């Protein structure tokens, strides 16, 4: 499980198998690419950070 933290401090959780990439764009912003819930393709969104979660453990 991955916890994405948005620039405004809010967050969401995504299953690891739905996440394609985390990278910095040309402007230096941290971007995540994930699969859409309806499986119609990928989308990208800006994040401030992320945490990898594993059954009670947190990796940053």
C-alpha atoms as a PDB file:
ATOM      1  CA  UNK A   1       0.000   0.000   0.000  1.00  0.00           C
ATOM      2  CA  UNK A   2       1.205   3.519  -0.768  1.00  0.00           C
ATOM      3  CA  UNK A   3       0.118   6.667   1.039  1.00  0.00           C
ATOM      4  CA  UNK A   4       0.344   9.688  -1.281  1.00  0.00           C
ATOM      5  CA  UNK A   5       0.586  13.055   0.441  1.00  0.00           C
ATOM      6  CA  UNK A   6      -0.806  15.956  -1.608  1.00  0.00           C
ATOM      7  CA  UNK A   7       0.714  19.473  -1.559  1.00  0.00           C
ATOM      8  CA  UNK A   8      -2.194  20.725   0.615  1.00  0.00           C
ATOM      9  CA  UNK A   9      -1.424  18.119   3.307  1.00  0.00           C
ATOM     10  CA  UNK A  10      -4.334  15.801   2.506  1.00  0.00           C
ATOM     11  CA  UNK A  11      -3.585  12.229   1.497  1.00  0.00           C
ATOM     12  CA  UNK A  12      -4.928   9.088  -0.158  1.00  0.00           C
ATOM     13  CA  UNK A  13      -3.990   5.420  -0.183  1.00  0.00           C
ATOM     14  CA  UNK A  14      -3.363   3.358  -3.329  1.00  0.00           C
ATOM     15  CA  UNK A  15      -2.650  -0.328  -3.777  1.00  0.00           C
ATOM     16  CA  UNK A  16       0.952  -0.854  -4.844  1.00  0.00           C
ATOM     17  CA  UNK A  17      -0.033  -2.709  -8.036  1.00  0.00           C
ATOM     18  CA  UNK A  18      -1.954   0.358  -9.300  1.00  0.00           C
ATOM     19  CA  UNK A  19       1.048   2.713  -9.093  1.00  0.00           C
ATOM     20  CA  UNK A  20       3.177   2.986 -12.223  1.00  0.00           C
ATOM     21  CA  UNK A  21       5.776   5.629 -11.331  1.00  0.00           C
ATOM     22  CA  UNK A  22       6.835   8.473  -9.057  1.00  0.00           C
ATOM     23  CA  UNK A  23       9.109  11.055 -10.679  1.00  0.00           C
ATOM     24  CA  UNK A  24      10.025  14.736 -10.914  1.00  0.00           C
ATOM     25  CA  UNK A  25       8.717  16.638 -13.923  1.00  0.00           C
ATOM     26  CA  UNK A  26      10.622  19.334 -15.843  1.00  0.00           C
ATOM     27  CA  UNK A  27       9.518  21.933 -13.264  1.00  0.00           C
ATOM     28  CA  UNK A  28      10.916  19.830 -10.400  1.00  0.00           C
ATOM     29  CA  UNK A  29       7.488  18.918  -8.996  1.00  0.00           C
ATOM     30  CA  UNK A  30       7.013  15.422  -7.586  1.00  0.00           C
ATOM     31  CA  UNK A  31       4.492  13.551  -9.761  1.00  0.00           C
ATOM     32  CA  UNK A  32       2.808  10.172  -9.312  1.00  0.00           C
ATOM     33  CA  UNK A  33       1.384   8.104 -12.156  1.00  0.00           C
ATOM     34  CA  UNK A  34      -1.318   5.590 -11.252  1.00  0.00           C
ATOM     35  CA  UNK A  35      -3.990   3.478 -12.897  1.00  0.00           C
ATOM     36  CA  UNK A  36      -7.511   4.883 -13.018  1.00  0.00           C
ATOM     37  CA  UNK A  37     -10.090   3.114 -10.846  1.00  0.00           C
ATOM     38  CA  UNK A  38     -12.092   2.093 -13.933  1.00  0.00           C
ATOM     39  CA  UNK A  39      -8.928   0.586 -15.542  1.00  0.00           C
ATOM     40  CA  UNK A  40      -9.206   2.966 -18.526  1.00  0.00           C
ATOM     41  CA  UNK A  41      -5.571   4.061 -18.356  1.00  0.00           C
ATOM     42  CA  UNK A  42      -3.094   6.022 -16.301  1.00  0.00           C
ATOM     43  CA  UNK A  43      -3.282   9.532 -14.888  1.00  0.00           C
ATOM     44  CA  UNK A  44      -0.721  11.806 -13.250  1.00  0.00           C
ATOM     45  CA  UNK A  45      -1.051  14.042 -10.196  1.00  0.00           C
ATOM     46  CA  UNK A  46       1.238  16.204  -8.101  1.00  0.00           C
ATOM     47  CA  UNK A  47       2.274  14.959  -4.677  1.00  0.00           C
ATOM     48  CA  UNK A  48       4.380  16.389  -1.858  1.00  0.00           C
ATOM     49  CA  UNK A  49       5.605  12.946  -0.787  1.00  0.00           C
ATOM     50  CA  UNK A  50       4.681   9.327  -0.263  1.00  0.00           C
ATOM     51  CA  UNK A  51       5.088   6.479   2.200  1.00  0.00           C
ATOM     52  CA  UNK A  52       5.283   2.761   1.479  1.00  0.00           C
ATOM     53  CA  UNK A  53       3.133   0.889   4.013  1.00  0.00           C
ATOM     54  CA  UNK A  54       3.464  -2.801   4.808  1.00  0.00           C
ATOM     55  CA  UNK A  55       1.292  -4.504   7.426  1.00  0.00           C
ATOM     56  CA  UNK A  56       1.978  -2.114  10.269  1.00  0.00           C
ATOM     57  CA  UNK A  57       5.358  -0.943   8.996  1.00  0.00           C
ATOM     58  CA  UNK A  58       5.999   2.428   7.367  1.00  0.00           C
ATOM     59  CA  UNK A  59       8.852   3.102   4.944  1.00  0.00           C
ATOM     60  CA  UNK A  60       9.649   6.680   3.882  1.00  0.00           C
END
